[in-house]
Structures are given as C-alpha cells and as structure tokens.
Amino acid sequence: MDSLRAREWWQQVTQIRAEDPGLTDEQIASRLGVSRRTFYRRRDQAQIPKRVMDHSSAIPWTVPKADVDHTYCTYLRALSYIAQGVPGGSPRQRSAALRWAREGVADHLDVIYDSLGWRMVPAVESQWHLKAVLAAALSTLEGSK
C-alpha cells in the first residue's frame, strides 16, 4: 500500500474514532476487517504519529522511573486515559482505578507523591487532587453514554 492510499485509509480510521472515540485500536482494526498488526503497519506507512497521551493533569509530580509502576500511579494513569476518552489498560484495571478513587474520595483521602513516595493523606477540600481526577474520568464516562 502506497503512502497516499495509507493516508486515505487513515482518514477512515479518523472518521471511526470521531464517531466512537472510546474504541481501542484493536476494535477499529476489527471494524475495518484487518488485524491489529496490519492496523499498526498501515498507520506507520501513512506516517501517522502514535497517539501521545498527556497524563500531567492526573500525575502532576515528577515521578522517578522506579515509582511509575506503583499502584497509585497506575490507577491515576488509568483515570487519565478514561478522562481523555481512550481505553487504556484492561477493563479490570479501569474498574480497579475507579473503585480505588471512589473509595478514597468517600474516605476523604487524597493521593500525593513526595520525598516519601506515594501516599494517601487526609484531603484538603480546596486542593483535592484525587477528587478532581475522578470527576474528570466520570464526566467523560457520563458523556460517552
């Protein structure tokens, strides 16, 4: 497939994403009748950049590589994917992240990252980070129904 045809094909992908922004790449590939591998190969042929996700609103701290796989960081990233309308991670991970955030908010807790690492602390209403991240995710979920 030449790059012009690949770009035309990618326009179809863009249209499908606009109609249903919650679809994964695998689901879009299935709708187009191609494998996920073919989907990625055609994306590369069309010279389309991969989706770059910005998680800075959910994870505003500079987190060393050693701590990016911590459960709290993983949950915040999952909530960020949800808030951006992109299904990142498995349904189980998304569910766990939502449950964790809801429980934290219900218990009036917030998540922070500092020199001591990831921690849950009593929330300060005016600076309640976890509540804001959860609200953004829930707003997107409600909007997609």
N, C-alpha and C. Protein backbone atom coordinates (compact mmCIF):
# COMPACT_ATOMS: atom_id res chain seq x y z
N MET A 1 0.86 -1.18 0.00
CA MET A 1 0.00 0.00 0.00
C MET A 1 0.90 1.24 0.00
N ASP A 2 0.67 2.12 -0.99
CA ASP A 2 1.49 3.33 -1.04
C ASP A 2 1.02 4.32 0.02
N SER A 3 1.85 5.34 0.26
CA SER A 3 1.55 6.25 1.37
C SER A 3 0.27 7.05 1.14
N LEU A 4 -0.10 7.31 -0.13
CA LEU A 4 -1.34 8.04 -0.40
C LEU A 4 -2.55 7.19 -0.01
N ARG A 5 -2.55 5.92 -0.42
CA ARG A 5 -3.65 5.03 -0.05
C ARG A 5 -3.68 4.81 1.46
N ALA A 6 -2.49 4.75 2.06
CA ALA A 6 -2.43 4.58 3.51
C ALA A 6 -3.05 5.78 4.21
N ARG A 7 -2.80 6.98 3.70
CA ARG A 7 -3.40 8.19 4.29
C ARG A 7 -4.91 8.20 4.12
N GLU A 8 -5.40 7.76 2.95
CA GLU A 8 -6.85 7.67 2.74
C GLU A 8 -7.45 6.66 3.72
N TRP A 9 -6.77 5.54 3.89
CA TRP A 9 -7.22 4.53 4.84
C TRP A 9 -7.26 5.14 6.25
N TRP A 10 -6.23 5.92 6.55
CA TRP A 10 -6.17 6.52 7.89
C TRP A 10 -7.31 7.52 8.10
N GLN A 11 -7.78 8.15 7.04
CA GLN A 11 -8.93 9.04 7.16
C GLN A 11 -10.17 8.27 7.61
N GLN A 12 -10.30 7.02 7.14
CA GLN A 12 -11.39 6.16 7.60
C GLN A 12 -11.27 5.92 9.10
N VAL A 13 -10.05 5.65 9.54
CA VAL A 13 -9.80 5.42 10.96
C VAL A 13 -10.19 6.66 11.76
N THR A 14 -9.80 7.82 11.27
CA THR A 14 -10.12 9.08 11.95
C THR A 14 -11.62 9.28 12.04
N GLN A 15 -12.33 8.93 10.98
CA GLN A 15 -13.79 9.06 10.99
C GLN A 15 -14.42 8.11 12.01
N ILE A 16 -13.94 6.89 12.07
CA ILE A 16 -14.46 5.92 13.04
C ILE A 16 -14.19 6.42 14.45
N ARG A 17 -12.99 6.95 14.68
CA ARG A 17 -12.66 7.48 16.02
C ARG A 17 -13.56 8.65 16.39
N ALA A 18 -13.90 9.48 15.42
CA ALA A 18 -14.76 10.63 15.69
C ALA A 18 -16.17 10.16 16.05
N GLU A 19 -16.63 9.11 15.40
CA GLU A 19 -17.97 8.58 15.67
C GLU A 19 -18.04 7.88 17.02
N ASP A 20 -16.97 7.18 17.37
CA ASP A 20 -16.95 6.43 18.63
C ASP A 20 -15.56 6.52 19.25
N PRO A 21 -15.27 7.63 19.99
CA PRO A 21 -13.92 7.87 20.50
C PRO A 21 -13.44 6.86 21.53
N GLY A 22 -14.32 6.04 22.06
CA GLY A 22 -13.91 5.08 23.08
C GLY A 22 -13.35 3.78 22.53
N LEU A 23 -13.32 3.62 21.22
CA LEU A 23 -12.84 2.36 20.64
C LEU A 23 -11.33 2.22 20.77
N THR A 24 -10.90 0.99 21.02
CA THR A 24 -9.47 0.70 21.04
C THR A 24 -8.99 0.54 19.60
N ASP A 25 -7.68 0.56 19.41
CA ASP A 25 -7.12 0.33 18.08
C ASP A 25 -7.53 -1.05 17.57
N GLU A 26 -7.58 -2.03 18.46
CA GLU A 26 -7.96 -3.38 18.07
C GLU A 26 -9.41 -3.43 17.59
N GLN A 27 -10.30 -2.70 18.26
CA GLN A 27 -11.70 -2.67 17.84
C GLN A 27 -11.85 -1.96 16.49
N ILE A 28 -11.09 -0.91 16.28
CA ILE A 28 -11.13 -0.21 14.99
C ILE A 28 -10.61 -1.13 13.89
N ALA A 29 -9.52 -1.83 14.16
CA ALA A 29 -8.97 -2.78 13.19
C ALA A 29 -10.02 -3.82 12.82
N SER A 30 -10.73 -4.32 13.82
CA SER A 30 -11.77 -5.31 13.58
C SER A 30 -12.87 -4.75 12.69
N ARG A 31 -13.29 -3.51 12.96
CA ARG A 31 -14.32 -2.87 12.12
C ARG A 31 -13.86 -2.74 10.67
N LEU A 32 -12.57 -2.52 10.49
CA LEU A 32 -12.02 -2.37 9.14
C LEU A 32 -11.67 -3.71 8.50
N GLY A 33 -11.81 -4.79 9.27
CA GLY A 33 -11.55 -6.11 8.74
C GLY A 33 -10.08 -6.45 8.60
N VAL A 34 -9.24 -5.84 9.44
CA VAL A 34 -7.81 -6.13 9.41
C VAL A 34 -7.34 -6.52 10.82
N SER A 35 -6.18 -7.13 10.88
CA SER A 35 -5.61 -7.48 12.18
C SER A 35 -5.02 -6.23 12.84
N ARG A 36 -4.77 -6.34 14.13
CA ARG A 36 -4.14 -5.23 14.84
C ARG A 36 -2.77 -4.94 14.24
N ARG A 37 -2.05 -5.99 13.88
CA ARG A 37 -0.71 -5.83 13.29
C ARG A 37 -0.80 -5.05 11.97
N THR A 38 -1.77 -5.40 11.13
CA THR A 38 -1.97 -4.69 9.87
C THR A 38 -2.35 -3.24 10.13
N PHE A 39 -3.20 -3.03 11.12
CA PHE A 39 -3.60 -1.68 11.51
C PHE A 39 -2.37 -0.83 11.82
N TYR A 40 -1.48 -1.35 12.66
CA TYR A 40 -0.28 -0.60 13.04
C TYR A 40 0.67 -0.41 11.85
N ARG A 41 0.78 -1.43 11.01
CA ARG A 41 1.66 -1.33 9.84
C ARG A 41 1.15 -0.23 8.91
N ARG A 42 -0.15 -0.20 8.68
CA ARG A 42 -0.71 0.84 7.81
C ARG A 42 -0.58 2.22 8.44
N ARG A 43 -0.74 2.30 9.74
CA ARG A 43 -0.55 3.59 10.42
C ARG A 43 0.88 4.08 10.19
N ASP A 44 1.84 3.16 10.32
CA ASP A 44 3.24 3.53 10.12
C ASP A 44 3.50 3.92 8.66
N GLN A 45 2.88 3.21 7.71
CA GLN A 45 3.04 3.54 6.30
C GLN A 45 2.48 4.93 6.00
N ALA A 46 1.40 5.28 6.66
CA ALA A 46 0.78 6.59 6.44
C ALA A 46 1.55 7.69 7.18
N GLN A 47 2.56 7.26 7.92
CA GLN A 47 3.40 8.18 8.71
C GLN A 47 2.57 9.00 9.69
N ILE A 48 1.63 8.32 10.32
CA ILE A 48 0.78 8.94 11.33
C ILE A 48 1.43 8.71 12.68
N PRO A 49 1.60 9.75 13.46
CA PRO A 49 2.20 9.55 14.78
C PRO A 49 1.26 8.77 15.70
N LYS A 50 1.85 8.03 16.60
CA LYS A 50 1.07 7.31 17.60
C LYS A 50 0.39 8.34 18.49
N ARG A 51 -0.73 7.93 19.06
CA ARG A 51 -1.41 8.82 19.99
C ARG A 51 -0.50 9.05 21.19
N VAL A 52 -0.27 10.28 21.51
CA VAL A 52 0.54 10.61 22.67
C VAL A 52 -0.41 11.10 23.75
N MET A 53 -0.39 10.43 24.86
CA MET A 53 -1.30 10.77 25.95
C MET A 53 -0.57 11.68 26.93
N ASP A 54 -1.29 12.68 27.39
CA ASP A 54 -0.74 13.60 28.39
C ASP A 54 -1.41 13.30 29.72
N HIS A 55 -0.65 12.79 30.65
CA HIS A 55 -1.18 12.44 31.97
C HIS A 55 -0.81 13.47 33.03
N SER A 56 -0.31 14.62 32.61
CA SER A 56 0.19 15.60 33.58
C SER A 56 -0.88 16.16 34.50
N SER A 57 -2.13 16.17 34.07
CA SER A 57 -3.16 16.67 34.98
C SER A 57 -3.49 15.63 36.05
N ALA A 58 -3.35 14.36 35.72
CA ALA A 58 -3.60 13.30 36.70
C ALA A 58 -2.37 13.01 37.56
N ILE A 59 -1.19 13.18 36.97
CA ILE A 59 0.07 12.92 37.67
C ILE A 59 0.94 14.16 37.54
N PRO A 60 0.69 15.19 38.35
CA PRO A 60 1.41 16.45 38.19
C PRO A 60 2.82 16.47 38.80
N TRP A 61 3.22 15.38 39.39
CA TRP A 61 4.53 15.32 40.05
C TRP A 61 5.56 14.74 39.10
N THR A 62 6.82 15.06 39.34
CA THR A 62 7.92 14.41 38.63
C THR A 62 8.20 13.12 39.39
N VAL A 63 7.89 12.01 38.75
CA VAL A 63 7.99 10.71 39.40
C VAL A 63 9.16 9.95 38.81
N PRO A 64 10.12 9.54 39.65
CA PRO A 64 11.25 8.76 39.15
C PRO A 64 10.78 7.44 38.54
N LYS A 65 11.54 6.94 37.61
CA LYS A 65 11.20 5.70 36.92
C LYS A 65 10.88 4.56 37.89
N ALA A 66 11.59 4.52 38.98
CA ALA A 66 11.39 3.44 39.96
C ALA A 66 9.98 3.45 40.56
N ASP A 67 9.30 4.60 40.52
CA ASP A 67 7.98 4.71 41.16
C ASP A 67 6.81 4.81 40.18
N VAL A 68 7.07 4.76 38.87
CA VAL A 68 5.97 4.92 37.91
C VAL A 68 5.06 3.69 37.84
N ASP A 69 5.53 2.55 38.31
CA ASP A 69 4.70 1.35 38.29
C ASP A 69 3.98 1.11 39.61
N HIS A 70 4.09 2.05 40.53
CA HIS A 70 3.38 1.93 41.81
C HIS A 70 1.88 1.90 41.53
N THR A 71 1.15 1.18 42.34
CA THR A 71 -0.29 1.04 42.15
C THR A 71 -1.00 2.38 42.02
N TYR A 72 -0.68 3.34 42.87
CA TYR A 72 -1.36 4.63 42.81
C TYR A 72 -1.10 5.34 41.49
N CYS A 73 0.13 5.26 41.02
CA CYS A 73 0.49 5.89 39.75
C CYS A 73 -0.25 5.20 38.60
N THR A 74 -0.31 3.88 38.65
CA THR A 74 -1.02 3.12 37.64
C THR A 74 -2.50 3.48 37.62
N TYR A 75 -3.10 3.61 38.80
CA TYR A 75 -4.52 3.98 38.88
C TYR A 75 -4.75 5.39 38.35
N LEU A 76 -3.88 6.32 38.70
CA LEU A 76 -4.03 7.69 38.20
C LEU A 76 -3.91 7.74 36.68
N ARG A 77 -2.99 6.96 36.13
CA ARG A 77 -2.82 6.89 34.68
C ARG A 77 -4.09 6.31 34.03
N ALA A 78 -4.65 5.27 34.64
CA ALA A 78 -5.88 4.68 34.11
C ALA A 78 -7.02 5.69 34.13
N LEU A 79 -7.13 6.46 35.21
CA LEU A 79 -8.16 7.50 35.29
C LEU A 79 -7.92 8.58 34.23
N SER A 80 -6.67 8.88 33.96
CA SER A 80 -6.34 9.87 32.94
C SER A 80 -6.76 9.37 31.56
N TYR A 81 -6.51 8.10 31.27
CA TYR A 81 -6.96 7.53 29.99
C TYR A 81 -8.47 7.66 29.87
N ILE A 82 -9.18 7.31 30.94
CA ILE A 82 -10.64 7.40 30.92
C ILE A 82 -11.07 8.83 30.67
N ALA A 83 -10.46 9.78 31.38
CA ALA A 83 -10.82 11.19 31.23
C ALA A 83 -10.57 11.70 29.81
N GLN A 84 -9.58 11.12 29.14
CA GLN A 84 -9.26 11.54 27.77
C GLN A 84 -10.03 10.74 26.72
N GLY A 85 -10.90 9.85 27.20
CA GLY A 85 -11.73 9.08 26.28
C GLY A 85 -11.01 7.97 25.56
N VAL A 86 -9.89 7.55 26.11
CA VAL A 86 -9.11 6.49 25.49
C VAL A 86 -9.07 5.30 26.44
N PRO A 87 -9.47 4.12 25.96
CA PRO A 87 -9.46 2.97 26.84
C PRO A 87 -8.06 2.41 27.04
N GLY A 88 -7.34 2.93 28.01
CA GLY A 88 -6.01 2.43 28.32
C GLY A 88 -6.11 1.32 29.36
N GLY A 89 -5.31 0.31 29.21
CA GLY A 89 -5.33 -0.79 30.17
C GLY A 89 -6.53 -1.69 29.95
N SER A 90 -6.61 -2.71 30.77
CA SER A 90 -7.71 -3.66 30.65
C SER A 90 -8.95 -3.12 31.36
N PRO A 91 -10.12 -3.67 31.04
CA PRO A 91 -11.33 -3.26 31.76
C PRO A 91 -11.19 -3.47 33.27
N ARG A 92 -10.49 -4.52 33.65
CA ARG A 92 -10.28 -4.79 35.08
C ARG A 92 -9.45 -3.68 35.73
N GLN A 93 -8.41 -3.21 35.03
CA GLN A 93 -7.57 -2.12 35.56
C GLN A 93 -8.37 -0.83 35.68
N ARG A 94 -9.19 -0.54 34.66
CA ARG A 94 -10.01 0.67 34.72
C ARG A 94 -11.01 0.59 35.87
N SER A 95 -11.61 -0.56 36.02
CA SER A 95 -12.56 -0.77 37.11
C SER A 95 -11.89 -0.61 38.47
N ALA A 96 -10.72 -1.19 38.60
CA ALA A 96 -9.98 -1.09 39.87
C ALA A 96 -9.61 0.35 40.16
N ALA A 97 -9.20 1.10 39.14
CA ALA A 97 -8.83 2.50 39.33
C ALA A 97 -10.03 3.33 39.77
N LEU A 98 -11.17 3.11 39.14
CA LEU A 98 -12.38 3.84 39.52
C LEU A 98 -12.81 3.49 40.94
N ARG A 99 -12.75 2.22 41.27
CA ARG A 99 -13.12 1.78 42.63
C ARG A 99 -12.19 2.41 43.67
N TRP A 100 -10.88 2.37 43.40
CA TRP A 100 -9.89 2.95 44.31
C TRP A 100 -10.15 4.43 44.53
N ALA A 101 -10.39 5.16 43.43
CA ALA A 101 -10.61 6.60 43.54
C ALA A 101 -11.91 6.90 44.29
N ARG A 102 -12.97 6.16 43.97
CA ARG A 102 -14.25 6.38 44.67
C ARG A 102 -14.11 6.12 46.16
N GLU A 103 -13.42 5.04 46.51
CA GLU A 103 -13.23 4.72 47.93
C GLU A 103 -12.38 5.79 48.62
N GLY A 104 -11.34 6.25 47.95
CA GLY A 104 -10.50 7.31 48.52
C GLY A 104 -11.29 8.58 48.77
N VAL A 105 -12.09 8.98 47.79
CA VAL A 105 -12.91 10.18 47.94
C VAL A 105 -13.95 9.98 49.04
N ALA A 106 -14.57 8.81 49.07
CA ALA A 106 -15.57 8.53 50.12
C ALA A 106 -14.94 8.59 51.51
N ASP A 107 -13.68 8.18 51.62
CA ASP A 107 -12.97 8.21 52.90
C ASP A 107 -12.28 9.55 53.15
N HIS A 108 -12.53 10.51 52.26
CA HIS A 108 -11.96 11.86 52.36
C HIS A 108 -10.42 11.82 52.33
N LEU A 109 -9.89 11.02 51.41
CA LEU A 109 -8.44 10.88 51.25
C LEU A 109 -8.00 11.44 49.91
N ASP A 110 -6.76 11.86 49.87
CA ASP A 110 -6.15 12.33 48.63
C ASP A 110 -4.86 11.57 48.42
N VAL A 111 -4.38 11.55 47.19
CA VAL A 111 -3.12 10.89 46.87
C VAL A 111 -2.07 11.97 46.61
N ILE A 112 -0.87 11.73 47.10
CA ILE A 112 0.24 12.64 46.84
C ILE A 112 1.49 11.83 46.53
N TYR A 113 2.43 12.51 45.90
CA TYR A 113 3.76 11.94 45.70
C TYR A 113 4.75 12.98 46.19
N ASP A 114 5.61 12.57 47.11
CA ASP A 114 6.64 13.48 47.61
C ASP A 114 7.90 12.69 47.92
N SER A 115 8.78 13.25 48.71
CA SER A 115 10.06 12.58 49.01
C SER A 115 9.87 11.25 49.73
N LEU A 116 8.70 11.03 50.31
CA LEU A 116 8.41 9.76 50.97
C LEU A 116 7.78 8.75 50.02
N GLY A 117 7.50 9.17 48.80
CA GLY A 117 6.88 8.28 47.82
C GLY A 117 5.39 8.53 47.70
N TRP A 118 4.69 7.54 47.18
CA TRP A 118 3.23 7.64 47.02
C TRP A 118 2.55 7.43 48.36
N ARG A 119 1.58 8.31 48.64
CA ARG A 119 0.86 8.18 49.92
C ARG A 119 -0.58 8.67 49.77
N MET A 120 -1.42 8.12 50.62
CA MET A 120 -2.79 8.62 50.78
C MET A 120 -2.78 9.46 52.05
N VAL A 121 -3.32 10.67 51.94
CA VAL A 121 -3.33 11.60 53.07
C VAL A 121 -4.74 12.19 53.21
N PRO A 122 -5.05 12.76 54.37
CA PRO A 122 -6.35 13.43 54.50
C PRO A 122 -6.48 14.53 53.44
N ALA A 123 -7.64 14.59 52.83
CA ALA A 123 -7.86 15.56 51.74
C ALA A 123 -8.07 16.96 52.28
N VAL A 124 -7.58 17.92 51.51
CA VAL A 124 -7.84 19.33 51.76
C VAL A 124 -8.81 19.75 50.64
N GLU A 125 -10.02 20.13 51.01
CA GLU A 125 -11.09 20.37 50.04
C GLU A 125 -10.65 21.26 48.87
N SER A 126 -9.92 22.32 49.13
CA SER A 126 -9.55 23.26 48.07
C SER A 126 -8.44 22.72 47.15
N GLN A 127 -7.77 21.65 47.56
CA GLN A 127 -6.67 21.09 46.76
C GLN A 127 -6.83 19.59 46.56
N TRP A 128 -8.04 19.10 46.51
CA TRP A 128 -8.31 17.66 46.50
C TRP A 128 -8.06 17.09 45.10
N HIS A 129 -6.84 16.64 44.89
CA HIS A 129 -6.41 16.16 43.58
C HIS A 129 -7.18 14.91 43.15
N LEU A 130 -7.28 13.91 43.99
CA LEU A 130 -7.94 12.66 43.63
C LEU A 130 -9.39 12.90 43.23
N LYS A 131 -10.06 13.77 43.95
CA LYS A 131 -11.46 14.08 43.65
C LYS A 131 -11.58 14.71 42.26
N ALA A 132 -10.66 15.59 41.92
CA ALA A 132 -10.68 16.25 40.60
C ALA A 132 -10.41 15.26 39.47
N VAL A 133 -9.46 14.37 39.67
CA VAL A 133 -9.12 13.37 38.65
C VAL A 133 -10.30 12.42 38.45
N LEU A 134 -10.90 11.99 39.54
CA LEU A 134 -12.07 11.11 39.46
C LEU A 134 -13.22 11.83 38.74
N ALA A 135 -13.46 13.07 39.08
CA ALA A 135 -14.54 13.84 38.45
C ALA A 135 -14.34 13.94 36.94
N ALA A 136 -13.11 14.16 36.51
CA ALA A 136 -12.82 14.25 35.07
C ALA A 136 -13.11 12.92 34.38
N ALA A 137 -12.71 11.83 35.01
CA ALA A 137 -12.95 10.50 34.43
C ALA A 137 -14.45 10.21 34.36
N LEU A 138 -15.16 10.48 35.45
CA LEU A 138 -16.60 10.21 35.48
C LEU A 138 -17.36 11.09 34.49
N SER A 139 -16.91 12.31 34.32
CA SER A 139 -17.55 13.22 33.37
C SER A 139 -17.44 12.66 31.95
N THR A 140 -16.28 12.14 31.61
CA THR A 140 -16.10 11.55 30.28
C THR A 140 -16.95 10.30 30.12
N LEU A 141 -16.98 9.48 31.17
CA LEU A 141 -17.80 8.26 31.10
C LEU A 141 -19.28 8.61 30.92
N GLU A 142 -19.75 9.61 31.64
CA GLU A 142 -21.15 10.03 31.53
C GLU A 142 -21.44 10.59 30.13
N GLY A 143 -20.48 11.32 29.59
CA GLY A 143 -20.65 11.90 28.26
C GLY A 143 -20.66 10.88 27.14
N SER A 144 -20.07 9.71 27.39
CA SER A 144 -19.99 8.69 26.34
C SER A 144 -21.19 7.76 26.35
N LYS A 145 -22.11 7.96 27.29
CA LYS A 145 -23.29 7.09 27.36
C LYS A 145 -24.37 7.56 26.42
